[in-house]
Amino acid sequence: MDAALDLVELADRADDRAGQLSKGLKQRRHWPGPCSTGRPWLLLDEPTAGLDPASARHVRDLILRLRGEGRAVLVSTHNLAEAEEVATRIAVLRTRLLASTRRRR
């Protein structure tokens, strides 16, 4: 568990009650489980919704780290700029597929 908390930079807050944490820290608290399972994929729905800029940056960095480990990370988001920052492939949906692109990295 210590390694998982280190991954999301919460090791120093391990003993804090959930009510003492900001929204960003509460959301970050949910990451260790999925990140430590070793699964080759992760599905995220609006992972930065409602987060302050620093917490959102941390989530994007974590997505890039997981992708760098060779995991497939599927992100559903309304934030196209964020998708462009973390994605190698982007698909735009509105009832049906409108566009798809593969970005070179």
PDB file of N, CA and C in Angstrom:
ATOM      1  N   MET A   1       0.809  -1.188   0.000  1.00  0.00           N
ATOM      2  CA  MET A   1       0.000   0.000   0.000  1.00  0.00           C
ATOM      3  C   MET A   1       0.859   1.260   0.000  1.00  0.00           C
ATOM      4  N   ASP A   2       2.002   1.200   0.676  1.00  0.00           N
ATOM      5  CA  ASP A   2       2.882   2.372   0.714  1.00  0.00           C
ATOM      6  C   ASP A   2       3.349   2.749  -0.685  1.00  0.00           C
ATOM      7  N   ALA A   3       3.688   1.747  -1.491  1.00  0.00           N
ATOM      8  CA  ALA A   3       4.126   2.028  -2.869  1.00  0.00           C
ATOM      9  C   ALA A   3       3.003   2.644  -3.679  1.00  0.00           C
ATOM     10  N   ALA A   4       1.787   2.165  -3.477  1.00  0.00           N
ATOM     11  CA  ALA A   4       0.636   2.709  -4.204  1.00  0.00           C
ATOM     12  C   ALA A   4       0.383   4.154  -3.794  1.00  0.00           C
ATOM     13  N   LEU A   5       0.496   4.454  -2.515  1.00  0.00           N
ATOM     14  CA  LEU A   5       0.316   5.830  -2.059  1.00  0.00           C
ATOM     15  C   LEU A   5       1.438   6.728  -2.562  1.00  0.00           C
ATOM     16  N   ASP A   6       2.649   6.189  -2.648  1.00  0.00           N
ATOM     17  CA  ASP A   6       3.756   6.959  -3.227  1.00  0.00           C
ATOM     18  C   ASP A   6       3.468   7.300  -4.685  1.00  0.00           C
ATOM     19  N   LEU A   7       2.898   6.355  -5.410  1.00  0.00           N
ATOM     20  CA  LEU A   7       2.589   6.557  -6.824  1.00  0.00           C
ATOM     21  C   LEU A   7       1.704   7.779  -7.037  1.00  0.00           C
ATOM     22  N   VAL A   8       0.752   7.998  -6.162  1.00  0.00           N
ATOM     23  CA  VAL A   8      -0.173   9.127  -6.294  1.00  0.00           C
ATOM     24  C   VAL A   8       0.184  10.271  -5.342  1.00  0.00           C
ATOM     25  N   GLU A   9       1.391  10.211  -4.781  1.00  0.00           N
ATOM     26  CA  GLU A   9       1.923  11.250  -3.907  1.00  0.00           C
ATOM     27  C   GLU A   9       1.003  11.548  -2.720  1.00  0.00           C
ATOM     28  N   LEU A  10       0.545  10.486  -2.070  1.00  0.00           N
ATOM     29  CA  LEU A  10      -0.297  10.633  -0.885  1.00  0.00           C
ATOM     30  C   LEU A  10       0.282   9.927   0.338  1.00  0.00           C
ATOM     31  N   ALA A  11       1.515   9.478   0.268  1.00  0.00           N
ATOM     32  CA  ALA A  11       2.103   8.740   1.388  1.00  0.00           C
ATOM     33  C   ALA A  11       2.083   9.570   2.671  1.00  0.00           C
ATOM     34  N   ASP A  12       2.305  10.873   2.563  1.00  0.00           N
ATOM     35  CA  ASP A  12       2.321  11.727   3.747  1.00  0.00           C
ATOM     36  C   ASP A  12       0.918  12.003   4.301  1.00  0.00           C
ATOM     37  N   ARG A  13      -0.130  11.609   3.549  1.00  0.00           N
ATOM     38  CA  ARG A  13      -1.509  11.830   3.985  1.00  0.00           C
ATOM     39  C   ARG A  13      -2.219  10.513   4.314  1.00  0.00           C
ATOM     40  N   ALA A  14      -1.473   9.431   4.468  1.00  0.00           N
ATOM     41  CA  ALA A  14      -2.047   8.093   4.658  1.00  0.00           C
ATOM     42  C   ALA A  14      -2.968   8.005   5.876  1.00  0.00           C
ATOM     43  N   ASP A  15      -2.696   8.769   6.908  1.00  0.00           N
ATOM     44  CA  ASP A  15      -3.499   8.688   8.133  1.00  0.00           C
ATOM     45  C   ASP A  15      -4.622   9.715   8.186  1.00  0.00           C
ATOM     46  N   ASP A  16      -4.731  10.569   7.171  1.00  0.00           N
ATOM     47  CA  ASP A  16      -5.773  11.603   7.170  1.00  0.00           C
ATOM     48  C   ASP A  16      -7.140  10.990   6.884  1.00  0.00           C
ATOM     49  N   ARG A  17      -8.159  11.524   7.499  1.00  0.00           N
ATOM     50  CA  ARG A  17      -9.533  11.115   7.218  1.00  0.00           C
ATOM     51  C   ARG A  17      -9.955  11.728   5.884  1.00  0.00           C
ATOM     52  N   ALA A  18     -10.845  11.038   5.187  1.00  0.00           N
ATOM     53  CA  ALA A  18     -11.295  11.504   3.870  1.00  0.00           C
ATOM     54  C   ALA A  18     -11.877  12.909   3.944  1.00  0.00           C
ATOM     55  N   GLY A  19     -12.582  13.234   5.017  1.00  0.00           N
ATOM     56  CA  GLY A  19     -13.187  14.552   5.156  1.00  0.00           C
ATOM     57  C   GLY A  19     -12.180  15.681   5.244  1.00  0.00           C
ATOM     58  N   GLN A  20     -10.934  15.356   5.546  1.00  0.00           N
ATOM     59  CA  GLN A  20      -9.880  16.367   5.651  1.00  0.00           C
ATOM     60  C   GLN A  20      -9.231  16.663   4.306  1.00  0.00           C
ATOM     61  N   LEU A  21      -9.537  15.870   3.286  1.00  0.00           N
ATOM     62  CA  LEU A  21      -8.874  16.006   1.992  1.00  0.00           C
ATOM     63  C   LEU A  21      -9.672  16.884   1.040  1.00  0.00           C
ATOM     64  N   SER A  22      -8.963  17.588   0.164  1.00  0.00           N
ATOM     65  CA  SER A  22      -9.614  18.367  -0.877  1.00  0.00           C
ATOM     66  C   SER A  22     -10.224  17.414  -1.901  1.00  0.00           C
ATOM     67  N   LYS A  23     -11.047  17.938  -2.805  1.00  0.00           N
ATOM     68  CA  LYS A  23     -11.661  17.087  -3.827  1.00  0.00           C
ATOM     69  C   LYS A  23     -10.586  16.398  -4.671  1.00  0.00           C
ATOM     70  N   GLY A  24      -9.549  17.136  -5.033  1.00  0.00           N
ATOM     71  CA  GLY A  24      -8.470  16.556  -5.835  1.00  0.00           C
ATOM     72  C   GLY A  24      -7.773  15.412  -5.128  1.00  0.00           C
ATOM     73  N   LEU A  25      -7.515  15.593  -3.836  1.00  0.00           N
ATOM     74  CA  LEU A  25      -6.866  14.528  -3.067  1.00  0.00           C
ATOM     75  C   LEU A  25      -7.800  13.344  -2.883  1.00  0.00           C
ATOM     76  N   LYS A  26      -9.107  13.613  -2.717  1.00  0.00           N
ATOM     77  CA  LYS A  26     -10.063  12.509  -2.603  1.00  0.00           C
ATOM     78  C   LYS A  26     -10.078  11.692  -3.884  1.00  0.00           C
ATOM     79  N   GLN A  27     -10.066  12.361  -5.041  1.00  0.00           N
ATOM     80  CA  GLN A  27     -10.057  11.620  -6.303  1.00  0.00           C
ATOM     81  C   GLN A  27      -8.747  10.867  -6.481  1.00  0.00           C
ATOM     82  N   ARG A  28      -7.656  11.493  -6.108  1.00  0.00           N
ATOM     83  CA  ARG A  28      -6.345  10.844  -6.233  1.00  0.00           C
ATOM     84  C   ARG A  28      -6.270   9.589  -5.364  1.00  0.00           C
ATOM     85  N   ARG A  29      -7.007   9.603  -4.251  1.00  0.00           N
ATOM     86  CA  ARG A  29      -7.034   8.468  -3.320  1.00  0.00           C
ATOM     87  C   ARG A  29      -7.574   7.206  -3.977  1.00  0.00           C
ATOM     88  N   HIS A  30      -8.376   7.357  -5.038  1.00  0.00           N
ATOM     89  CA  HIS A  30      -8.960   6.205  -5.719  1.00  0.00           C
ATOM     90  C   HIS A  30      -8.013   5.558  -6.730  1.00  0.00           C
ATOM     91  N   TRP A  31      -6.910   6.201  -7.053  1.00  0.00           N
ATOM     92  CA  TRP A  31      -6.005   5.706  -8.086  1.00  0.00           C
ATOM     93  C   TRP A  31      -5.145   4.510  -7.700  1.00  0.00           C
ATOM     94  N   PRO A  32      -4.677   4.366  -6.466  1.00  0.00           N
ATOM     95  CA  PRO A  32      -3.756   3.260  -6.170  1.00  0.00           C
ATOM     96  C   PRO A  32      -4.276   1.884  -6.537  1.00  0.00           C
ATOM     97  N   GLY A  33      -5.548   1.598  -6.287  1.00  0.00           N
ATOM     98  CA  GLY A  33      -6.095   0.274  -6.608  1.00  0.00           C
ATOM     99  C   GLY A  33      -5.948  -0.067  -8.079  1.00  0.00           C
ATOM    100  N   PRO A  34      -6.553   0.713  -8.965  1.00  0.00           N
ATOM    101  CA  PRO A  34      -6.441   0.410 -10.397  1.00  0.00           C
ATOM    102  C   PRO A  34      -5.003   0.440 -10.913  1.00  0.00           C
ATOM    103  N   CYS A  35      -4.176   1.320 -10.366  1.00  0.00           N
ATOM    104  CA  CYS A  35      -2.803   1.439 -10.848  1.00  0.00           C
ATOM    105  C   CYS A  35      -1.929   0.275 -10.410  1.00  0.00           C
ATOM    106  N   SER A  36      -2.259  -0.331  -9.288  1.00  0.00           N
ATOM    107  CA  SER A  36      -1.406  -1.392  -8.760  1.00  0.00           C
ATOM    108  C   SER A  36      -1.858  -2.797  -9.144  1.00  0.00           C
ATOM    109  N   THR A  37      -2.940  -2.920  -9.904  1.00  0.00           N
ATOM    110  CA  THR A  37      -3.428  -4.255 -10.257  1.00  0.00           C
ATOM    111  C   THR A  37      -2.546  -4.935 -11.292  1.00  0.00           C
ATOM    112  N   GLY A  38      -1.774  -4.164 -12.036  1.00  0.00           N
ATOM    113  CA  GLY A  38      -0.947  -4.749 -13.085  1.00  0.00           C
ATOM    114  C   GLY A  38      -1.707  -5.032 -14.363  1.00  0.00           C
ATOM    115  N   ARG A  39      -2.971  -4.636 -14.417  1.00  0.00           N
ATOM    116  CA  ARG A  39      -3.751  -4.847 -15.639  1.00  0.00           C
ATOM    117  C   ARG A  39      -3.111  -4.069 -16.785  1.00  0.00           C
ATOM    118  N   PRO A  40      -3.211  -4.597 -17.996  1.00  0.00           N
ATOM    119  CA  PRO A  40      -2.609  -3.904 -19.136  1.00  0.00           C
ATOM    120  C   PRO A  40      -3.462  -2.746 -19.647  1.00  0.00           C
ATOM    121  N   TRP A  41      -4.609  -2.495 -19.014  1.00  0.00           N
ATOM    122  CA  TRP A  41      -5.493  -1.424 -19.476  1.00  0.00           C
ATOM    123  C   TRP A  41      -6.152  -0.734 -18.289  1.00  0.00           C
ATOM    124  N   LEU A  42      -6.622   0.480 -18.533  1.00  0.00           N
ATOM    125  CA  LEU A  42      -7.324   1.247 -17.519  1.00  0.00           C
ATOM    126  C   LEU A  42      -8.361   2.107 -18.231  1.00  0.00           C
ATOM    127  N   LEU A  43      -9.579   2.135 -17.737  1.00  0.00           N
ATOM    128  CA  LEU A  43     -10.667   2.924 -18.314  1.00  0.00           C
ATOM    129  C   LEU A  43     -10.998   4.054 -17.355  1.00  0.00           C
ATOM    130  N   LEU A  44     -10.927   5.305 -17.843  1.00  0.00           N
ATOM    131  CA  LEU A  44     -11.155   6.480 -17.002  1.00  0.00           C
ATOM    132  C   LEU A  44     -12.254   7.340 -17.608  1.00  0.00           C
ATOM    133  N   ASP A  45     -13.225   7.695 -16.803  1.00  0.00           N
ATOM    134  CA  ASP A  45     -14.320   8.556 -17.248  1.00  0.00           C
ATOM    135  C   ASP A  45     -14.167   9.929 -16.594  1.00  0.00           C
ATOM    136  N   GLU A  46     -13.856  10.940 -17.401  1.00  0.00           N
ATOM    137  CA  GLU A  46     -13.693  12.319 -16.925  1.00  0.00           C
ATOM    138  C   GLU A  46     -12.767  12.378 -15.701  1.00  0.00           C
ATOM    139  N   PRO A  47     -11.526  11.903 -15.825  1.00  0.00           N
ATOM    140  CA  PRO A  47     -10.661  11.806 -14.647  1.00  0.00           C
ATOM    141  C   PRO A  47     -10.252  13.139 -14.037  1.00  0.00           C
ATOM    142  N   THR A  48     -10.366  14.250 -14.770  1.00  0.00           N
ATOM    143  CA  THR A  48      -9.968  15.538 -14.206  1.00  0.00           C
ATOM    144  C   THR A  48     -11.150  16.472 -13.970  1.00  0.00           C
ATOM    145  N   ALA A  49     -12.369  15.980 -14.139  1.00  0.00           N
ATOM    146  CA  ALA A  49     -13.559  16.822 -13.968  1.00  0.00           C
ATOM    147  C   ALA A  49     -13.617  17.401 -12.555  1.00  0.00           C
ATOM    148  N   GLY A  50     -13.757  18.708 -12.465  1.00  0.00           N
ATOM    149  CA  GLY A  50     -13.909  19.374 -11.187  1.00  0.00           C
ATOM    150  C   GLY A  50     -12.639  19.547 -10.387  1.00  0.00           C
ATOM    151  N   LEU A  51     -11.493  19.197 -10.970  1.00  0.00           N
ATOM    152  CA  LEU A  51     -10.238  19.315 -10.233  1.00  0.00           C
ATOM    153  C   LEU A  51      -9.589  20.677 -10.459  1.00  0.00           C
ATOM    154  N   ASP A  52      -8.833  21.122  -9.468  1.00  0.00           N
ATOM    155  CA  ASP A  52      -8.052  22.346  -9.625  1.00  0.00           C
ATOM    156  C   ASP A  52      -6.919  22.063 -10.610  1.00  0.00           C
ATOM    157  N   PRO A  53      -6.297  23.090 -11.190  1.00  0.00           N
ATOM    158  CA  PRO A  53      -5.261  22.871 -12.202  1.00  0.00           C
ATOM    159  C   PRO A  53      -4.098  21.974 -11.762  1.00  0.00           C
ATOM    160  N   ALA A  54      -3.661  22.113 -10.516  1.00  0.00           N
ATOM    161  CA  ALA A  54      -2.539  21.286 -10.043  1.00  0.00           C
ATOM    162  C   ALA A  54      -2.935  19.815  -9.954  1.00  0.00           C
ATOM    163  N   SER A  55      -4.125  19.545  -9.454  1.00  0.00           N
ATOM    164  CA  SER A  55      -4.588  18.154  -9.353  1.00  0.00           C
ATOM    165  C   SER A  55      -4.819  17.562 -10.735  1.00  0.00           C
ATOM    166  N   ALA A  56      -5.371  18.356 -11.647  1.00  0.00           N
ATOM    167  CA  ALA A  56      -5.590  17.883 -13.021  1.00  0.00           C
ATOM    168  C   ALA A  56      -4.251  17.566 -13.684  1.00  0.00           C
ATOM    169  N   ARG A  57      -3.242  18.399 -13.457  1.00  0.00           N
ATOM    170  CA  ARG A  57      -1.894  18.157 -14.004  1.00  0.00           C
ATOM    171  C   ARG A  57      -1.354  16.838 -13.469  1.00  0.00           C
ATOM    172  N   HIS A  58      -1.555  16.583 -12.189  1.00  0.00           N
ATOM    173  CA  HIS A  58      -1.082  15.340 -11.585  1.00  0.00           C
ATOM    174  C   HIS A  58      -1.751  14.137 -12.247  1.00  0.00           C
ATOM    175  N   VAL A  59      -3.051  14.215 -12.488  1.00  0.00           N
ATOM    176  CA  VAL A  59      -3.779  13.119 -13.126  1.00  0.00           C
ATOM    177  C   VAL A  59      -3.252  12.897 -14.540  1.00  0.00           C
ATOM    178  N   ARG A  60      -3.039  13.969 -15.288  1.00  0.00           N
ATOM    179  CA  ARG A  60      -2.500  13.816 -16.655  1.00  0.00           C
ATOM    180  C   ARG A  60      -1.112  13.189 -16.626  1.00  0.00           C
ATOM    181  N   ASP A  61      -0.284  13.609 -15.674  1.00  0.00           N
ATOM    182  CA  ASP A  61       1.055  13.017 -15.549  1.00  0.00           C
ATOM    183  C   ASP A  61       0.963  11.533 -15.220  1.00  0.00           C
ATOM    184  N   LEU A  62       0.017  11.171 -14.371  1.00  0.00           N
ATOM    185  CA  LEU A  62      -0.163   9.763 -14.017  1.00  0.00           C
ATOM    186  C   LEU A  62      -0.619   8.950 -15.225  1.00  0.00           C
ATOM    187  N   ILE A  63      -1.516   9.515 -16.031  1.00  0.00           N
ATOM    188  CA  ILE A  63      -1.958   8.842 -17.260  1.00  0.00           C
ATOM    189  C   ILE A  63      -0.766   8.620 -18.185  1.00  0.00           C
ATOM    190  N   LEU A  64       0.073   9.627 -18.341  1.00  0.00           N
ATOM    191  CA  LEU A  64       1.252   9.495 -19.206  1.00  0.00           C
ATOM    192  C   LEU A  64       2.225   8.461 -18.651  1.00  0.00           C
ATOM    193  N   ARG A  65       2.362   8.405 -17.333  1.00  0.00           N
ATOM    194  CA  ARG A  65       3.249   7.404 -16.719  1.00  0.00           C
ATOM    195  C   ARG A  65       2.734   5.995 -16.982  1.00  0.00           C
ATOM    196  N   LEU A  66       1.427   5.784 -16.811  1.00  0.00           N
ATOM    197  CA  LEU A  66       0.835   4.474 -17.070  1.00  0.00           C
ATOM    198  C   LEU A  66       0.990   4.089 -18.541  1.00  0.00           C
ATOM    199  N   ARG A  67       0.762   5.049 -19.415  1.00  0.00           N
ATOM    200  CA  ARG A  67       0.940   4.796 -20.845  1.00  0.00           C
ATOM    201  C   ARG A  67       2.394   4.446 -21.154  1.00  0.00           C
ATOM    202  N   GLY A  68       3.310   5.124 -20.472  1.00  0.00           N
ATOM    203  CA  GLY A  68       4.734   4.836 -20.646  1.00  0.00           C
ATOM    204  C   GLY A  68       5.124   3.448 -20.185  1.00  0.00           C
ATOM    205  N   GLU A  69       4.337   2.883 -19.274  1.00  0.00           N
ATOM    206  CA  GLU A  69       4.568   1.508 -18.813  1.00  0.00           C
ATOM    207  C   GLU A  69       4.020   0.492 -19.800  1.00  0.00           C
ATOM    208  N   GLY A  70       3.404   0.982 -20.887  1.00  0.00           N
ATOM    209  CA  GLY A  70       2.854   0.084 -21.889  1.00  0.00           C
ATOM    210  C   GLY A  70       1.397  -0.276 -21.668  1.00  0.00           C
ATOM    211  N   ARG A  71       0.742   0.391 -20.740  1.00  0.00           N
ATOM    212  CA  ARG A  71      -0.670   0.119 -20.498  1.00  0.00           C
ATOM    213  C   ARG A  71      -1.532   0.905 -21.481  1.00  0.00           C
ATOM    214  N   ALA A  72      -2.648   0.337 -21.823  1.00  0.00           N
ATOM    215  CA  ALA A  72      -3.640   1.032 -22.642  1.00  0.00           C
ATOM    216  C   ALA A  72      -4.533   1.803 -21.687  1.00  0.00           C
ATOM    217  N   VAL A  73      -4.639   3.105 -21.902  1.00  0.00           N
ATOM    218  CA  VAL A  73      -5.467   3.949 -21.045  1.00  0.00           C
ATOM    219  C   VAL A  73      -6.528   4.591 -21.930  1.00  0.00           C
ATOM    220  N   LEU A  74      -7.771   4.216 -21.701  1.00  0.00           N
ATOM    221  CA  LEU A  74      -8.897   4.777 -22.454  1.00  0.00           C
ATOM    222  C   LEU A  74      -9.539   5.850 -21.586  1.00  0.00           C
ATOM    223  N   VAL A  75      -9.574   7.079 -22.109  1.00  0.00           N
ATOM    224  CA  VAL A  75     -10.099   8.217 -21.363  1.00  0.00           C
ATOM    225  C   VAL A  75     -11.300   8.788 -22.094  1.00  0.00           C
ATOM    226  N   SER A  76     -12.403   8.913 -21.381  1.00  0.00           N
ATOM    227  CA  SER A  76     -13.588   9.596 -21.889  1.00  0.00           C
ATOM    228  C   SER A  76     -13.559  11.007 -21.314  1.00  0.00           C
ATOM    229  N   THR A  77     -13.559  12.026 -22.184  1.00  0.00           N
ATOM    230  CA  THR A  77     -13.475  13.402 -21.704  1.00  0.00           C
ATOM    231  C   THR A  77     -14.140  14.360 -22.671  1.00  0.00           C
ATOM    232  N   HIS A  78     -14.610  15.476 -22.151  1.00  0.00           N
ATOM    233  CA  HIS A  78     -15.130  16.558 -22.977  1.00  0.00           C
ATOM    234  C   HIS A  78     -14.022  17.568 -23.281  1.00  0.00           C
ATOM    235  N   ASN A  79     -12.877  17.404 -22.647  1.00  0.00           N
ATOM    236  CA  ASN A  79     -11.772  18.339 -22.756  1.00  0.00           C
ATOM    237  C   ASN A  79     -10.827  17.890 -23.874  1.00  0.00           C
ATOM    238  N   LEU A  80     -11.030  18.421 -25.071  1.00  0.00           N
ATOM    239  CA  LEU A  80     -10.239  18.000 -26.226  1.00  0.00           C
ATOM    240  C   LEU A  80      -8.764  18.361 -26.074  1.00  0.00           C
ATOM    241  N   ALA A  81      -8.460  19.507 -25.477  1.00  0.00           N
ATOM    242  CA  ALA A  81      -7.063  19.895 -25.267  1.00  0.00           C
ATOM    243  C   ALA A  81      -6.361  18.880 -24.364  1.00  0.00           C
ATOM    244  N   GLU A  82      -7.057  18.424 -23.342  1.00  0.00           N
ATOM    245  CA  GLU A  82      -6.495  17.412 -22.452  1.00  0.00           C
ATOM    246  C   GLU A  82      -6.277  16.095 -23.195  1.00  0.00           C
ATOM    247  N   ALA A  83      -7.252  15.716 -24.004  1.00  0.00           N
ATOM    248  CA  ALA A  83      -7.123  14.487 -24.784  1.00  0.00           C
ATOM    249  C   ALA A  83      -5.910  14.563 -25.714  1.00  0.00           C
ATOM    250  N   GLU A  84      -5.732  15.705 -26.351  1.00  0.00           N
ATOM    251  CA  GLU A  84      -4.586  15.868 -27.252  1.00  0.00           C
ATOM    252  C   GLU A  84      -3.261  15.772 -26.507  1.00  0.00           C
ATOM    253  N   GLU A  85      -3.248  16.204 -25.255  1.00  0.00           N
ATOM    254  CA  GLU A  85      -2.021  16.168 -24.464  1.00  0.00           C
ATOM    255  C   GLU A  85      -1.611  14.754 -24.071  1.00  0.00           C
ATOM    256  N   VAL A  86      -2.577  13.886 -23.769  1.00  0.00           N
ATOM    257  CA  VAL A  86      -2.236  12.569 -23.231  1.00  0.00           C
ATOM    258  C   VAL A  86      -2.453  11.413 -24.202  1.00  0.00           C
ATOM    259  N   ALA A  87      -3.092  11.670 -25.344  1.00  0.00           N
ATOM    260  CA  ALA A  87      -3.507  10.564 -26.207  1.00  0.00           C
ATOM    261  C   ALA A  87      -2.562  10.312 -27.378  1.00  0.00           C
ATOM    262  N   THR A  88      -2.520   9.053 -27.789  1.00  0.00           N
ATOM    263  CA  THR A  88      -1.871   8.697 -29.049  1.00  0.00           C
ATOM    264  C   THR A  88      -2.922   8.513 -30.134  1.00  0.00           C
ATOM    265  N   ARG A  89      -4.145   8.247 -29.723  1.00  0.00           N
ATOM    266  CA  ARG A  89      -5.283   8.142 -30.642  1.00  0.00           C
ATOM    267  C   ARG A  89      -6.452   8.897 -30.040  1.00  0.00           C
ATOM    268  N   ILE A  90      -7.199   9.572 -30.916  1.00  0.00           N
ATOM    269  CA  ILE A  90      -8.378  10.320 -30.462  1.00  0.00           C
ATOM    270  C   ILE A  90      -9.537   9.975 -31.370  1.00  0.00           C
ATOM    271  N   ALA A  91     -10.682   9.710 -30.771  1.00  0.00           N
ATOM    272  CA  ALA A  91     -11.918   9.492 -31.526  1.00  0.00           C
ATOM    273  C   ALA A  91     -12.958  10.459 -30.975  1.00  0.00           C
ATOM    274  N   VAL A  92     -13.700  11.085 -31.881  1.00  0.00           N
ATOM    275  CA  VAL A  92     -14.758  12.004 -31.489  1.00  0.00           C
ATOM    276  C   VAL A  92     -16.090  11.329 -31.769  1.00  0.00           C
ATOM    277  N   LEU A  93     -16.908  11.240 -30.742  1.00  0.00           N
ATOM    278  CA  LEU A  93     -18.191  10.560 -30.856  1.00  0.00           C
ATOM    279  C   LEU A  93     -19.337  11.533 -30.589  1.00  0.00           C
ATOM    280  N   ARG A  94     -20.389  11.371 -31.323  1.00  0.00           N
ATOM    281  CA  ARG A  94     -21.656  12.049 -31.047  1.00  0.00           C
ATOM    282  C   ARG A  94     -22.727  11.150 -31.635  1.00  0.00           C
ATOM    283  N   THR A  95     -23.183  10.219 -30.843  1.00  0.00           N
ATOM    284  CA  THR A  95     -24.101   9.161 -31.240  1.00  0.00           C
ATOM    285  C   THR A  95     -23.396   8.154 -32.143  1.00  0.00           C
ATOM    286  N   ARG A  96     -22.512   8.635 -32.980  1.00  0.00           N
ATOM    287  CA  ARG A  96     -21.715   7.760 -33.855  1.00  0.00           C
ATOM    288  C   ARG A  96     -20.316   8.348 -33.971  1.00  0.00           C
ATOM    289  N   LEU A  97     -19.406   7.610 -34.547  1.00  0.00           N
ATOM    290  CA  LEU A  97     -18.037   8.074 -34.711  1.00  0.00           C
ATOM    291  C   LEU A  97     -18.011   9.205 -35.728  1.00  0.00           C
ATOM    292  N   LEU A  98     -17.514  10.368 -35.329  1.00  0.00           N
ATOM    293  CA  LEU A  98     -17.412  11.510 -36.231  1.00  0.00           C
ATOM    294  C   LEU A  98     -16.028  11.640 -36.839  1.00  0.00           C
ATOM    295  N   ALA A  99     -15.004  11.333 -36.041  1.00  0.00           N
ATOM    296  CA  ALA A  99     -13.633  11.477 -36.527  1.00  0.00           C
ATOM    297  C   ALA A  99     -12.716  10.607 -35.689  1.00  0.00           C
ATOM    298  N   SER A 100     -11.625  10.218 -36.286  1.00  0.00           N
ATOM    299  CA  SER A 100     -10.622   9.434 -35.585  1.00  0.00           C
ATOM    300  C   SER A 100      -9.261   9.809 -36.135  1.00  0.00           C
ATOM    301  N   THR A 101      -8.286   9.901 -35.277  1.00  0.00           N
ATOM    302  CA  THR A 101      -6.941  10.238 -35.707  1.00  0.00           C
ATOM    303  C   THR A 101      -5.919   9.506 -34.850  1.00  0.00           C
ATOM    304  N   ARG A 102      -4.781   9.250 -35.410  1.00  0.00           N
ATOM    305  CA  ARG A 102      -3.668   8.663 -34.667  1.00  0.00           C
ATOM    306  C   ARG A 102      -2.568   9.703 -34.641  1.00  0.00           C
ATOM    307  N   ARG A 103      -2.158  10.079 -33.458  1.00  0.00           N
ATOM    308  CA  ARG A 103      -1.117  11.090 -33.294  1.00  0.00           C
ATOM    309  C   ARG A 103       0.233  10.412 -33.224  1.00  0.00           C
ATOM    310  N   ARG A 104       1.212  11.018 -33.787  1.00  0.00           N
ATOM    311  CA  ARG A 104       2.587  10.482 -33.721  1.00  0.00           C
ATOM    312  C   ARG A 104       3.260  11.012 -32.459  1.00  0.00           C
ATOM    313  N   ARG A 105       3.914  10.122 -31.742  1.00  0.00           N
ATOM    314  CA  ARG A 105       4.635  10.531 -30.512  1.00  0.00           C
ATOM    315  C   ARG A 105       6.037  10.047 -30.575  1.00  0.00           C
TER     316      ARG A 105
END
